[in-house]
Amino acid sequence: MESDKITIEEAQKQVDQWIKQYGVRYFSELTNMAVLTEEVGELARVMARKYGDQSFKAGEKDNVEEEIADVLWVLLCIANQTGVDVTSAFRKSLEKKTERDNKRHINNPKLNDHGRE
């Protein structure tokens, strides 16, 4: 559904509103960095089981979407509390990568090895 889509800016504002309404306050920046690392680890665990060589243990579930959303949530918390406009930062990052890498990956024989599909 088109109406379900939100911008990065809107997501950043919604996280801030939620923290102010329900979360009492942001955790410290260092705590949120640790929480982000934890969430990335949880995503890695699911990815290793779904796409890697490990299998799901009893009680574990394929919740890649949930884990990605958890990573994004904490990342937006960190952005909010450090004053980073993620939309602007992402645009700058995309421009930098395009300028720096616009031929690099196209000319990489490892990425163009169609036998590995």
PDB file of N, CA and C in Angstrom:
ATOM      1  N   MET A   1       0.814  -1.186   0.000  1.00  0.00           N
ATOM      2  CA  MET A   1       0.000   0.000   0.000  1.00  0.00           C
ATOM      3  C   MET A   1       0.855   1.246   0.000  1.00  0.00           C
ATOM      4  N   GLU A   2       0.568   2.138  -0.863  1.00  0.00           N
ATOM      5  CA  GLU A   2       1.334   3.372  -0.970  1.00  0.00           C
ATOM      6  C   GLU A   2       1.257   4.205   0.303  1.00  0.00           C
ATOM      7  N   SER A   3       0.095   4.238   0.955  1.00  0.00           N
ATOM      8  CA  SER A   3      -0.087   5.074   2.135  1.00  0.00           C
ATOM      9  C   SER A   3       0.746   4.602   3.331  1.00  0.00           C
ATOM     10  N   ASP A   4       1.252   3.373   3.293  1.00  0.00           N
ATOM     11  CA  ASP A   4       2.063   2.851   4.385  1.00  0.00           C
ATOM     12  C   ASP A   4       3.500   3.351   4.336  1.00  0.00           C
ATOM     13  N   LYS A   5       3.907   3.935   3.221  1.00  0.00           N
ATOM     14  CA  LYS A   5       5.288   4.377   3.071  1.00  0.00           C
ATOM     15  C   LYS A   5       5.525   5.667   3.842  1.00  0.00           C
ATOM     16  N   ILE A   6       6.696   5.741   4.473  1.00  0.00           N
ATOM     17  CA  ILE A   6       7.092   6.963   5.147  1.00  0.00           C
ATOM     18  C   ILE A   6       8.510   7.315   4.720  1.00  0.00           C
ATOM     19  N   THR A   7       8.837   8.568   4.813  1.00  0.00           N
ATOM     20  CA  THR A   7      10.182   9.008   4.480  1.00  0.00           C
ATOM     21  C   THR A   7      11.115   8.730   5.656  1.00  0.00           C
ATOM     22  N   ILE A   8      12.386   8.821   5.401  1.00  0.00           N
ATOM     23  CA  ILE A   8      13.360   8.683   6.482  1.00  0.00           C
ATOM     24  C   ILE A   8      13.137   9.785   7.508  1.00  0.00           C
ATOM     25  N   GLU A   9      12.875  10.987   7.030  1.00  0.00           N
ATOM     26  CA  GLU A   9      12.624  12.116   7.927  1.00  0.00           C
ATOM     27  C   GLU A   9      11.417  11.839   8.831  1.00  0.00           C
ATOM     28  N   GLU A  10      10.356  11.303   8.249  1.00  0.00           N
ATOM     29  CA  GLU A  10       9.171  10.968   9.048  1.00  0.00           C
ATOM     30  C   GLU A  10       9.488   9.886  10.074  1.00  0.00           C
ATOM     31  N   ALA A  11      10.250   8.880   9.664  1.00  0.00           N
ATOM     32  CA  ALA A  11      10.631   7.804  10.593  1.00  0.00           C
ATOM     33  C   ALA A  11      11.448   8.364  11.740  1.00  0.00           C
ATOM     34  N   GLN A  12      12.361   9.259  11.421  1.00  0.00           N
ATOM     35  CA  GLN A  12      13.194   9.857  12.458  1.00  0.00           C
ATOM     36  C   GLN A  12      12.326  10.637  13.449  1.00  0.00           C
ATOM     37  N   LYS A  13      11.344  11.371  12.950  1.00  0.00           N
ATOM     38  CA  LYS A  13      10.440  12.128  13.817  1.00  0.00           C
ATOM     39  C   LYS A  13       9.550  11.204  14.645  1.00  0.00           C
ATOM     40  N   GLN A  14       9.073  10.113  14.044  1.00  0.00           N
ATOM     41  CA  GLN A  14       8.212   9.179  14.773  1.00  0.00           C
ATOM     42  C   GLN A  14       8.964   8.515  15.924  1.00  0.00           C
ATOM     43  N   VAL A  15      10.221   8.170  15.689  1.00  0.00           N
ATOM     44  CA  VAL A  15      11.036   7.590  16.764  1.00  0.00           C
ATOM     45  C   VAL A  15      11.171   8.600  17.896  1.00  0.00           C
ATOM     46  N   ASP A  16      11.466   9.839  17.553  1.00  0.00           N
ATOM     47  CA  ASP A  16      11.619  10.877  18.571  1.00  0.00           C
ATOM     48  C   ASP A  16      10.328  11.075  19.365  1.00  0.00           C
ATOM     49  N   GLN A  17       9.205  11.101  18.661  1.00  0.00           N
ATOM     50  CA  GLN A  17       7.910  11.255  19.345  1.00  0.00           C
ATOM     51  C   GLN A  17       7.641  10.074  20.270  1.00  0.00           C
ATOM     52  N   TRP A  18       7.954   8.865  19.816  1.00  0.00           N
ATOM     53  CA  TRP A  18       7.725   7.678  20.641  1.00  0.00           C
ATOM     54  C   TRP A  18       8.579   7.736  21.909  1.00  0.00           C
ATOM     55  N   ILE A  19       9.851   8.098  21.734  1.00  0.00           N
ATOM     56  CA  ILE A  19      10.751   8.179  22.893  1.00  0.00           C
ATOM     57  C   ILE A  19      10.198   9.184  23.902  1.00  0.00           C
ATOM     58  N   LYS A  20       9.759  10.333  23.414  1.00  0.00           N
ATOM     59  CA  LYS A  20       9.240  11.375  24.315  1.00  0.00           C
ATOM     60  C   LYS A  20       7.932  10.958  24.985  1.00  0.00           C
ATOM     61  N   GLN A  21       7.115  10.172  24.285  1.00  0.00           N
ATOM     62  CA  GLN A  21       5.825   9.769  24.842  1.00  0.00           C
ATOM     63  C   GLN A  21       5.927   8.536  25.732  1.00  0.00           C
ATOM     64  N   TYR A  22       6.695   7.546  25.313  1.00  0.00           N
ATOM     65  CA  TYR A  22       6.717   6.261  26.011  1.00  0.00           C
ATOM     66  C   TYR A  22       8.064   5.874  26.608  1.00  0.00           C
ATOM     67  N   GLY A  23       9.125   6.387  26.056  1.00  0.00           N
ATOM     68  CA  GLY A  23      10.457   5.908  26.444  1.00  0.00           C
ATOM     69  C   GLY A  23      11.113   6.674  27.570  1.00  0.00           C
ATOM     70  N   VAL A  24      10.462   7.662  28.110  1.00  0.00           N
ATOM     71  CA  VAL A  24      10.974   8.533  29.167  1.00  0.00           C
ATOM     72  C   VAL A  24      12.078   9.431  28.616  1.00  0.00           C
ATOM     73  N   ARG A  25      13.171   8.838  28.126  1.00  0.00           N
ATOM     74  CA  ARG A  25      14.269   9.587  27.508  1.00  0.00           C
ATOM     75  C   ARG A  25      15.099   8.616  26.677  1.00  0.00           C
ATOM     76  N   TYR A  26      15.966   9.177  25.861  1.00  0.00           N
ATOM     77  CA  TYR A  26      16.891   8.330  25.107  1.00  0.00           C
ATOM     78  C   TYR A  26      17.886   7.697  26.069  1.00  0.00           C
ATOM     79  N   PHE A  27      18.297   6.466  25.773  1.00  0.00           N
ATOM     80  CA  PHE A  27      19.454   5.902  26.463  1.00  0.00           C
ATOM     81  C   PHE A  27      20.653   6.760  26.072  1.00  0.00           C
ATOM     82  N   SER A  28      21.738   6.664  26.798  1.00  0.00           N
ATOM     83  CA  SER A  28      22.934   7.424  26.426  1.00  0.00           C
ATOM     84  C   SER A  28      23.411   6.975  25.043  1.00  0.00           C
ATOM     85  N   GLU A  29      24.188   7.822  24.417  1.00  0.00           N
ATOM     86  CA  GLU A  29      24.716   7.493  23.089  1.00  0.00           C
ATOM     87  C   GLU A  29      25.516   6.194  23.117  1.00  0.00           C
ATOM     88  N   LEU A  30      26.325   6.027  24.146  1.00  0.00           N
ATOM     89  CA  LEU A  30      27.136   4.813  24.248  1.00  0.00           C
ATOM     90  C   LEU A  30      26.267   3.582  24.465  1.00  0.00           C
ATOM     91  N   THR A  31      25.242   3.702  25.293  1.00  0.00           N
ATOM     92  CA  THR A  31      24.320   2.583  25.491  1.00  0.00           C
ATOM     93  C   THR A  31      23.631   2.239  24.175  1.00  0.00           C
ATOM     94  N   ASN A  32      23.174   3.257  23.449  1.00  0.00           N
ATOM     95  CA  ASN A  32      22.518   2.984  22.166  1.00  0.00           C
ATOM     96  C   ASN A  32      23.479   2.358  21.163  1.00  0.00           C
ATOM     97  N   MET A  33      24.747   2.717  21.218  1.00  0.00           N
ATOM     98  CA  MET A  33      25.722   2.074  20.332  1.00  0.00           C
ATOM     99  C   MET A  33      25.830   0.590  20.675  1.00  0.00           C
ATOM    100  N   ALA A  34      25.832   0.272  21.957  1.00  0.00           N
ATOM    101  CA  ALA A  34      25.870  -1.129  22.384  1.00  0.00           C
ATOM    102  C   ALA A  34      24.596  -1.858  21.968  1.00  0.00           C
ATOM    103  N   VAL A  35      23.442  -1.188  22.110  1.00  0.00           N
ATOM    104  CA  VAL A  35      22.167  -1.788  21.706  1.00  0.00           C
ATOM    105  C   VAL A  35      22.158  -2.017  20.192  1.00  0.00           C
ATOM    106  N   LEU A  36      22.689  -1.066  19.431  1.00  0.00           N
ATOM    107  CA  LEU A  36      22.768  -1.239  17.973  1.00  0.00           C
ATOM    108  C   LEU A  36      23.608  -2.462  17.626  1.00  0.00           C
ATOM    109  N   THR A  37      24.727  -2.609  18.291  1.00  0.00           N
ATOM    110  CA  THR A  37      25.589  -3.774  18.056  1.00  0.00           C
ATOM    111  C   THR A  37      24.842  -5.065  18.371  1.00  0.00           C
ATOM    112  N   GLU A  38      24.090  -5.056  19.463  1.00  0.00           N
ATOM    113  CA  GLU A  38      23.288  -6.221  19.840  1.00  0.00           C
ATOM    114  C   GLU A  38      22.251  -6.537  18.762  1.00  0.00           C
ATOM    115  N   GLU A  39      21.566  -5.504  18.278  1.00  0.00           N
ATOM    116  CA  GLU A  39      20.536  -5.710  17.254  1.00  0.00           C
ATOM    117  C   GLU A  39      21.145  -6.221  15.942  1.00  0.00           C
ATOM    118  N   VAL A  40      22.304  -5.708  15.567  1.00  0.00           N
ATOM    119  CA  VAL A  40      22.978  -6.195  14.361  1.00  0.00           C
ATOM    120  C   VAL A  40      23.349  -7.663  14.541  1.00  0.00           C
ATOM    121  N   GLY A  41      23.765  -8.038  15.746  1.00  0.00           N
ATOM    122  CA  GLY A  41      24.070  -9.441  16.030  1.00  0.00           C
ATOM    123  C   GLY A  41      22.847 -10.332  15.891  1.00  0.00           C
ATOM    124  N   GLU A  42      21.694  -9.828  16.349  1.00  0.00           N
ATOM    125  CA  GLU A  42      20.462 -10.609  16.202  1.00  0.00           C
ATOM    126  C   GLU A  42      20.087 -10.768  14.730  1.00  0.00           C
ATOM    127  N   LEU A  43      20.278  -9.726  13.946  1.00  0.00           N
ATOM    128  CA  LEU A  43      20.037  -9.826  12.500  1.00  0.00           C
ATOM    129  C   LEU A  43      21.013 -10.818  11.868  1.00  0.00           C
ATOM    130  N   ALA A  44      22.267 -10.756  12.283  1.00  0.00           N
ATOM    131  CA  ALA A  44      23.278 -11.671  11.740  1.00  0.00           C
ATOM    132  C   ALA A  44      22.916 -13.127  12.047  1.00  0.00           C
ATOM    133  N   ARG A  45      22.411 -13.374  13.246  1.00  0.00           N
ATOM    134  CA  ARG A  45      22.034 -14.739  13.622  1.00  0.00           C
ATOM    135  C   ARG A  45      20.937 -15.269  12.688  1.00  0.00           C
ATOM    136  N   VAL A  46      19.917 -14.454  12.442  1.00  0.00           N
ATOM    137  CA  VAL A  46      18.827 -14.882  11.565  1.00  0.00           C
ATOM    138  C   VAL A  46      19.334 -15.073  10.133  1.00  0.00           C
ATOM    139  N   MET A  47      20.177 -14.165   9.674  1.00  0.00           N
ATOM    140  CA  MET A  47      20.717 -14.270   8.314  1.00  0.00           C
ATOM    141  C   MET A  47      21.547 -15.544   8.147  1.00  0.00           C
ATOM    142  N   ALA A  48      22.339 -15.870   9.172  1.00  0.00           N
ATOM    143  CA  ALA A  48      23.169 -17.081   9.109  1.00  0.00           C
ATOM    144  C   ALA A  48      22.311 -18.331   9.030  1.00  0.00           C
ATOM    145  N   ARG A  49      21.152 -18.293   9.672  1.00  0.00           N
ATOM    146  CA  ARG A  49      20.277 -19.458   9.646  1.00  0.00           C
ATOM    147  C   ARG A  49      19.438 -19.516   8.375  1.00  0.00           C
ATOM    148  N   LYS A  50      19.015 -18.365   7.892  1.00  0.00           N
ATOM    149  CA  LYS A  50      18.160 -18.343   6.705  1.00  0.00           C
ATOM    150  C   LYS A  50      18.961 -18.497   5.411  1.00  0.00           C
ATOM    151  N   TYR A  51      20.096 -17.803   5.323  1.00  0.00           N
ATOM    152  CA  TYR A  51      20.850 -17.782   4.069  1.00  0.00           C
ATOM    153  C   TYR A  51      22.198 -18.489   4.156  1.00  0.00           C
ATOM    154  N   GLY A  52      22.636 -18.784   5.364  1.00  0.00           N
ATOM    155  CA  GLY A  52      23.942 -19.414   5.546  1.00  0.00           C
ATOM    156  C   GLY A  52      23.820 -20.894   5.804  1.00  0.00           C
ATOM    157  N   ASP A  53      24.832 -21.415   6.438  1.00  0.00           N
ATOM    158  CA  ASP A  53      24.935 -22.854   6.645  1.00  0.00           C
ATOM    159  C   ASP A  53      24.328 -23.340   7.952  1.00  0.00           C
ATOM    160  N   GLN A  54      23.902 -22.414   8.802  1.00  0.00           N
ATOM    161  CA  GLN A  54      23.298 -22.828  10.060  1.00  0.00           C
ATOM    162  C   GLN A  54      21.801 -23.060   9.876  1.00  0.00           C
ATOM    163  N   SER A  55      21.211 -23.802  10.797  1.00  0.00           N
ATOM    164  CA  SER A  55      19.770 -24.018  10.763  1.00  0.00           C
ATOM    165  C   SER A  55      19.142 -23.395  11.997  1.00  0.00           C
ATOM    166  N   PHE A  56      17.846 -23.118  11.902  1.00  0.00           N
ATOM    167  CA  PHE A  56      17.135 -22.542  13.030  1.00  0.00           C
ATOM    168  C   PHE A  56      17.059 -23.557  14.165  1.00  0.00           C
ATOM    169  N   LYS A  57      17.266 -23.090  15.385  1.00  0.00           N
ATOM    170  CA  LYS A  57      17.122 -23.931  16.562  1.00  0.00           C
ATOM    171  C   LYS A  57      15.650 -23.937  16.962  1.00  0.00           C
ATOM    172  N   ALA A  58      15.273 -24.874  17.791  1.00  0.00           N
ATOM    173  CA  ALA A  58      13.895 -24.942  18.275  1.00  0.00           C
ATOM    174  C   ALA A  58      13.528 -23.613  18.934  1.00  0.00           C
ATOM    175  N   GLY A  59      12.401 -23.062  18.539  1.00  0.00           N
ATOM    176  CA  GLY A  59      11.939 -21.809  19.108  1.00  0.00           C
ATOM    177  C   GLY A  59      12.393 -20.567  18.366  1.00  0.00           C
ATOM    178  N   GLU A  60      13.420 -20.685  17.539  1.00  0.00           N
ATOM    179  CA  GLU A  60      13.867 -19.539  16.744  1.00  0.00           C
ATOM    180  C   GLU A  60      12.963 -19.386  15.536  1.00  0.00           C
ATOM    181  N   LYS A  61      12.842 -18.151  15.058  1.00  0.00           N
ATOM    182  CA  LYS A  61      11.992 -17.929  13.894  1.00  0.00           C
ATOM    183  C   LYS A  61      12.698 -17.051  12.875  1.00  0.00           C
ATOM    184  N   ASP A  62      12.221 -17.129  11.663  1.00  0.00           N
ATOM    185  CA  ASP A  62      12.719 -16.295  10.576  1.00  0.00           C
ATOM    186  C   ASP A  62      12.043 -14.936  10.702  1.00  0.00           C
ATOM    187  N   ASN A  63      12.727 -14.016  11.348  1.00  0.00           N
ATOM    188  CA  ASN A  63      12.158 -12.688  11.559  1.00  0.00           C
ATOM    189  C   ASN A  63      13.104 -11.593  11.052  1.00  0.00           C
ATOM    190  N   VAL A  64      13.604 -11.787   9.842  1.00  0.00           N
ATOM    191  CA  VAL A  64      14.534 -10.831   9.249  1.00  0.00           C
ATOM    192  C   VAL A  64      13.948  -9.423   9.253  1.00  0.00           C
ATOM    193  N   GLU A  65      12.675  -9.297   8.875  1.00  0.00           N
ATOM    194  CA  GLU A  65      12.051  -7.970   8.814  1.00  0.00           C
ATOM    195  C   GLU A  65      12.087  -7.287  10.171  1.00  0.00           C
ATOM    196  N   GLU A  66      11.740  -8.020  11.205  1.00  0.00           N
ATOM    197  CA  GLU A  66      11.728  -7.467  12.563  1.00  0.00           C
ATOM    198  C   GLU A  66      13.124  -7.020  12.984  1.00  0.00           C
ATOM    199  N   GLU A  67      14.112  -7.831  12.689  1.00  0.00           N
ATOM    200  CA  GLU A  67      15.485  -7.506  13.091  1.00  0.00           C
ATOM    201  C   GLU A  67      16.016  -6.299  12.323  1.00  0.00           C
ATOM    202  N   ILE A  68      15.698  -6.204  11.028  1.00  0.00           N
ATOM    203  CA  ILE A  68      16.105  -5.025  10.253  1.00  0.00           C
ATOM    204  C   ILE A  68      15.449  -3.776  10.827  1.00  0.00           C
ATOM    205  N   ALA A  69      14.165  -3.868  11.163  1.00  0.00           N
ATOM    206  CA  ALA A  69      13.459  -2.726  11.748  1.00  0.00           C
ATOM    207  C   ALA A  69      14.068  -2.339  13.094  1.00  0.00           C
ATOM    208  N   ASP A  70      14.476  -3.316  13.893  1.00  0.00           N
ATOM    209  CA  ASP A  70      15.104  -3.020  15.178  1.00  0.00           C
ATOM    210  C   ASP A  70      16.430  -2.280  14.990  1.00  0.00           C
ATOM    211  N   VAL A  71      17.211  -2.699  13.997  1.00  0.00           N
ATOM    212  CA  VAL A  71      18.477  -2.014  13.690  1.00  0.00           C
ATOM    213  C   VAL A  71      18.189  -0.569  13.276  1.00  0.00           C
ATOM    214  N   LEU A  72      17.212  -0.389  12.400  1.00  0.00           N
ATOM    215  CA  LEU A  72      16.858   0.955  11.935  1.00  0.00           C
ATOM    216  C   LEU A  72      16.387   1.819  13.096  1.00  0.00           C
ATOM    217  N   TRP A  73      15.571   1.264  13.971  1.00  0.00           N
ATOM    218  CA  TRP A  73      15.050   2.002  15.130  1.00  0.00           C
ATOM    219  C   TRP A  73      16.191   2.593  15.955  1.00  0.00           C
ATOM    220  N   VAL A  74      17.153   1.738  16.336  1.00  0.00           N
ATOM    221  CA  VAL A  74      18.244   2.199  17.187  1.00  0.00           C
ATOM    222  C   VAL A  74      19.133   3.179  16.435  1.00  0.00           C
ATOM    223  N   LEU A  75      19.347   2.934  15.150  1.00  0.00           N
ATOM    224  CA  LEU A  75      20.142   3.855  14.338  1.00  0.00           C
ATOM    225  C   LEU A  75      19.484   5.236  14.297  1.00  0.00           C
ATOM    226  N   LEU A  76      18.167   5.268  14.170  1.00  0.00           N
ATOM    227  CA  LEU A  76      17.449   6.541  14.175  1.00  0.00           C
ATOM    228  C   LEU A  76      17.502   7.201  15.554  1.00  0.00           C
ATOM    229  N   CYS A  77      17.488   6.412  16.610  1.00  0.00           N
ATOM    230  CA  CYS A  77      17.672   6.975  17.951  1.00  0.00           C
ATOM    231  C   CYS A  77      19.029   7.673  18.049  1.00  0.00           C
ATOM    232  N   ILE A  78      20.064   7.003  17.607  1.00  0.00           N
ATOM    233  CA  ILE A  78      21.416   7.575  17.655  1.00  0.00           C
ATOM    234  C   ILE A  78      21.483   8.845  16.810  1.00  0.00           C
ATOM    235  N   ALA A  79      20.873   8.817  15.641  1.00  0.00           N
ATOM    236  CA  ALA A  79      20.862  10.003  14.783  1.00  0.00           C
ATOM    237  C   ALA A  79      20.155  11.157  15.482  1.00  0.00           C
ATOM    238  N   ASN A  80      19.012  10.888  16.074  1.00  0.00           N
ATOM    239  CA  ASN A  80      18.263  11.938  16.762  1.00  0.00           C
ATOM    240  C   ASN A  80      19.071  12.560  17.894  1.00  0.00           C
ATOM    241  N   GLN A  81      19.683  11.730  18.698  1.00  0.00           N
ATOM    242  CA  GLN A  81      20.351  12.271  19.868  1.00  0.00           C
ATOM    243  C   GLN A  81      21.698  12.909  19.545  1.00  0.00           C
ATOM    244  N   THR A  82      22.221  12.666  18.346  1.00  0.00           N
ATOM    245  CA  THR A  82      23.483  13.294  17.942  1.00  0.00           C
ATOM    246  C   THR A  82      23.261  14.402  16.918  1.00  0.00           C
ATOM    247  N   GLY A  83      21.986  14.681  16.598  1.00  0.00           N
ATOM    248  CA  GLY A  83      21.671  15.788  15.702  1.00  0.00           C
ATOM    249  C   GLY A  83      21.934  15.528  14.232  1.00  0.00           C
ATOM    250  N   VAL A  84      21.905  14.266  13.824  1.00  0.00           N
ATOM    251  CA  VAL A  84      22.146  13.912  12.429  1.00  0.00           C
ATOM    252  C   VAL A  84      20.835  13.855  11.663  1.00  0.00           C
ATOM    253  N   ASP A  85      20.757  14.595  10.578  1.00  0.00           N
ATOM    254  CA  ASP A  85      19.635  14.513   9.638  1.00  0.00           C
ATOM    255  C   ASP A  85      19.956  13.361   8.689  1.00  0.00           C
ATOM    256  N   VAL A  86      19.328  12.214   8.901  1.00  0.00           N
ATOM    257  CA  VAL A  86      19.672  11.004   8.154  1.00  0.00           C
ATOM    258  C   VAL A  86      19.385  11.166   6.658  1.00  0.00           C
ATOM    259  N   THR A  87      18.321  11.873   6.309  1.00  0.00           N
ATOM    260  CA  THR A  87      17.999  12.087   4.892  1.00  0.00           C
ATOM    261  C   THR A  87      19.141  12.811   4.202  1.00  0.00           C
ATOM    262  N   SER A  88      19.594  13.897   4.786  1.00  0.00           N
ATOM    263  CA  SER A  88      20.691  14.675   4.207  1.00  0.00           C
ATOM    264  C   SER A  88      21.987  13.860   4.188  1.00  0.00           C
ATOM    265  N   ALA A  89      22.275  13.178   5.278  1.00  0.00           N
ATOM    266  CA  ALA A  89      23.498  12.369   5.364  1.00  0.00           C
ATOM    267  C   ALA A  89      23.484  11.245   4.336  1.00  0.00           C
ATOM    268  N   PHE A  90      22.313  10.624   4.132  1.00  0.00           N
ATOM    269  CA  PHE A  90      22.204   9.543   3.158  1.00  0.00           C
ATOM    270  C   PHE A  90      22.425  10.060   1.740  1.00  0.00           C
ATOM    271  N   ARG A  91      21.839  11.207   1.436  1.00  0.00           N
ATOM    272  CA  ARG A  91      22.048  11.804   0.105  1.00  0.00           C
ATOM    273  C   ARG A  91      23.526  12.067  -0.149  1.00  0.00           C
ATOM    274  N   LYS A  92      24.199  12.629   0.833  1.00  0.00           N
ATOM    275  CA  LYS A  92      25.636  12.912   0.706  1.00  0.00           C
ATOM    276  C   LYS A  92      26.422  11.618   0.522  1.00  0.00           C
ATOM    277  N   SER A  93      26.057  10.595   1.267  1.00  0.00           N
ATOM    278  CA  SER A  93      26.738   9.310   1.158  1.00  0.00           C
ATOM    279  C   SER A  93      26.545   8.695  -0.226  1.00  0.00           C
ATOM    280  N   LEU A  94      25.324   8.784  -0.744  1.00  0.00           N
ATOM    281  CA  LEU A  94      25.041   8.257  -2.077  1.00  0.00           C
ATOM    282  C   LEU A  94      25.840   9.001  -3.145  1.00  0.00           C
ATOM    283  N   GLU A  95      25.906  10.313  -3.021  1.00  0.00           N
ATOM    284  CA  GLU A  95      26.698  11.110  -3.971  1.00  0.00           C
ATOM    285  C   GLU A  95      28.169  10.724  -3.902  1.00  0.00           C
ATOM    286  N   LYS A  96      28.706  10.588  -2.685  1.00  0.00           N
ATOM    287  CA  LYS A  96      30.110  10.216  -2.496  1.00  0.00           C
ATOM    288  C   LYS A  96      30.391   8.847  -3.120  1.00  0.00           C
ATOM    289  N   LYS A  97      29.539   7.891  -2.845  1.00  0.00           N
ATOM    290  CA  LYS A  97      29.744   6.544  -3.387  1.00  0.00           C
ATOM    291  C   LYS A  97      29.638   6.528  -4.900  1.00  0.00           C
ATOM    292  N   THR A  98      28.700   7.292  -5.444  1.00  0.00           N
ATOM    293  CA  THR A  98      28.532   7.346  -6.898  1.00  0.00           C
ATOM    294  C   THR A  98      29.761   7.951  -7.545  1.00  0.00           C
ATOM    295  N   GLU A  99      30.261   9.025  -6.977  1.00  0.00           N
ATOM    296  CA  GLU A  99      31.454   9.674  -7.535  1.00  0.00           C
ATOM    297  C   GLU A  99      32.675   8.769  -7.421  1.00  0.00           C
ATOM    298  N   ARG A 100      32.830   8.124  -6.269  1.00  0.00           N
ATOM    299  CA  ARG A 100      34.014   7.304  -6.004  1.00  0.00           C
ATOM    300  C   ARG A 100      33.970   5.948  -6.704  1.00  0.00           C
ATOM    301  N   ASP A 101      32.794   5.341  -6.752  1.00  0.00           N
ATOM    302  CA  ASP A 101      32.707   3.943  -7.170  1.00  0.00           C
ATOM    303  C   ASP A 101      31.900   3.714  -8.444  1.00  0.00           C
ATOM    304  N   ASN A 102      31.646   4.766  -9.239  1.00  0.00           N
ATOM    305  CA  ASN A 102      30.745   4.597 -10.379  1.00  0.00           C
ATOM    306  C   ASN A 102      31.270   3.627 -11.437  1.00  0.00           C
ATOM    307  N   LYS A 103      32.555   3.327 -11.459  1.00  0.00           N
ATOM    308  CA  LYS A 103      33.097   2.347 -12.404  1.00  0.00           C
ATOM    309  C   LYS A 103      33.692   1.130 -11.684  1.00  0.00           C
ATOM    310  N   ARG A 104      34.007   1.290 -10.433  1.00  0.00           N
ATOM    311  CA  ARG A 104      34.732   0.258  -9.681  1.00  0.00           C
ATOM    312  C   ARG A 104      34.009  -1.082  -9.669  1.00  0.00           C
ATOM    313  N   HIS A 105      32.740  -1.098  -9.334  1.00  0.00           N
ATOM    314  CA  HIS A 105      32.020  -2.370  -9.212  1.00  0.00           C
ATOM    315  C   HIS A 105      31.662  -2.953 -10.575  1.00  0.00           C
ATOM    316  N   ILE A 106      31.355  -2.093 -11.522  1.00  0.00           N
ATOM    317  CA  ILE A 106      31.045  -2.560 -12.877  1.00  0.00           C
ATOM    318  C   ILE A 106      32.247  -3.285 -13.477  1.00  0.00           C
ATOM    319  N   ASN A 107      33.453  -2.814 -13.164  1.00  0.00           N
ATOM    320  CA  ASN A 107      34.676  -3.399 -13.714  1.00  0.00           C
ATOM    321  C   ASN A 107      35.279  -4.482 -12.826  1.00  0.00           C
ATOM    322  N   ASN A 108      34.604  -4.862 -11.771  1.00  0.00           N
ATOM    323  CA  ASN A 108      35.107  -5.879 -10.856  1.00  0.00           C
ATOM    324  C   ASN A 108      34.741  -7.259 -11.394  1.00  0.00           C
ATOM    325  N   PRO A 109      35.725  -8.037 -11.836  1.00  0.00           N
ATOM    326  CA  PRO A 109      35.412  -9.370 -12.393  1.00  0.00           C
ATOM    327  C   PRO A 109      34.765 -10.307 -11.370  1.00  0.00           C
ATOM    328  N   LYS A 110      35.023 -10.099 -10.106  1.00  0.00           N
ATOM    329  CA  LYS A 110      34.408 -10.948  -9.085  1.00  0.00           C
ATOM    330  C   LYS A 110      32.901 -10.734  -9.027  1.00  0.00           C
ATOM    331  N   LEU A 111      32.461  -9.505  -9.297  1.00  0.00           N
ATOM    332  CA  LEU A 111      31.025  -9.216  -9.275  1.00  0.00           C
ATOM    333  C   LEU A 111      30.356  -9.587 -10.591  1.00  0.00           C
ATOM    334  N   ASN A 112      31.139  -9.713 -11.621  1.00  0.00           N
ATOM    335  CA  ASN A 112      30.584 -10.049 -12.925  1.00  0.00           C
ATOM    336  C   ASN A 112      30.739 -11.526 -13.259  1.00  0.00           C
ATOM    337  N   ASP A 113      31.069 -12.318 -12.270  1.00  0.00           N
ATOM    338  CA  ASP A 113      31.221 -13.768 -12.444  1.00  0.00           C
ATOM    339  C   ASP A 113      29.815 -14.396 -12.376  1.00  0.00           C
ATOM    340  N   HIS A 114      29.213 -14.568 -13.523  1.00  0.00           N
ATOM    341  CA  HIS A 114      27.842 -15.079 -13.561  1.00  0.00           C
ATOM    342  C   HIS A 114      27.764 -16.565 -13.209  1.00  0.00           C
ATOM    343  N   GLY A 115      28.891 -17.239 -13.144  1.00  0.00           N
ATOM    344  CA  GLY A 115      28.888 -18.639 -12.782  1.00  0.00           C
ATOM    345  C   GLY A 115      28.593 -18.870 -11.313  1.00  0.00           C
ATOM    346  N   ARG A 116      28.606 -17.820 -10.513  1.00  0.00           N
ATOM    347  CA  ARG A 116      28.385 -17.960  -9.065  1.00  0.00           C
ATOM    348  C   ARG A 116      26.944 -17.733  -8.681  1.00  0.00           C
ATOM    349  N   GLU A 117      26.063 -17.520  -9.618  1.00  0.00           N
ATOM    350  CA  GLU A 117      24.644 -17.231  -9.309  1.00  0.00           C
ATOM    351  C   GLU A 117      23.948 -18.408  -8.692  1.00  0.00           C
TER     352      GLU A 117
END
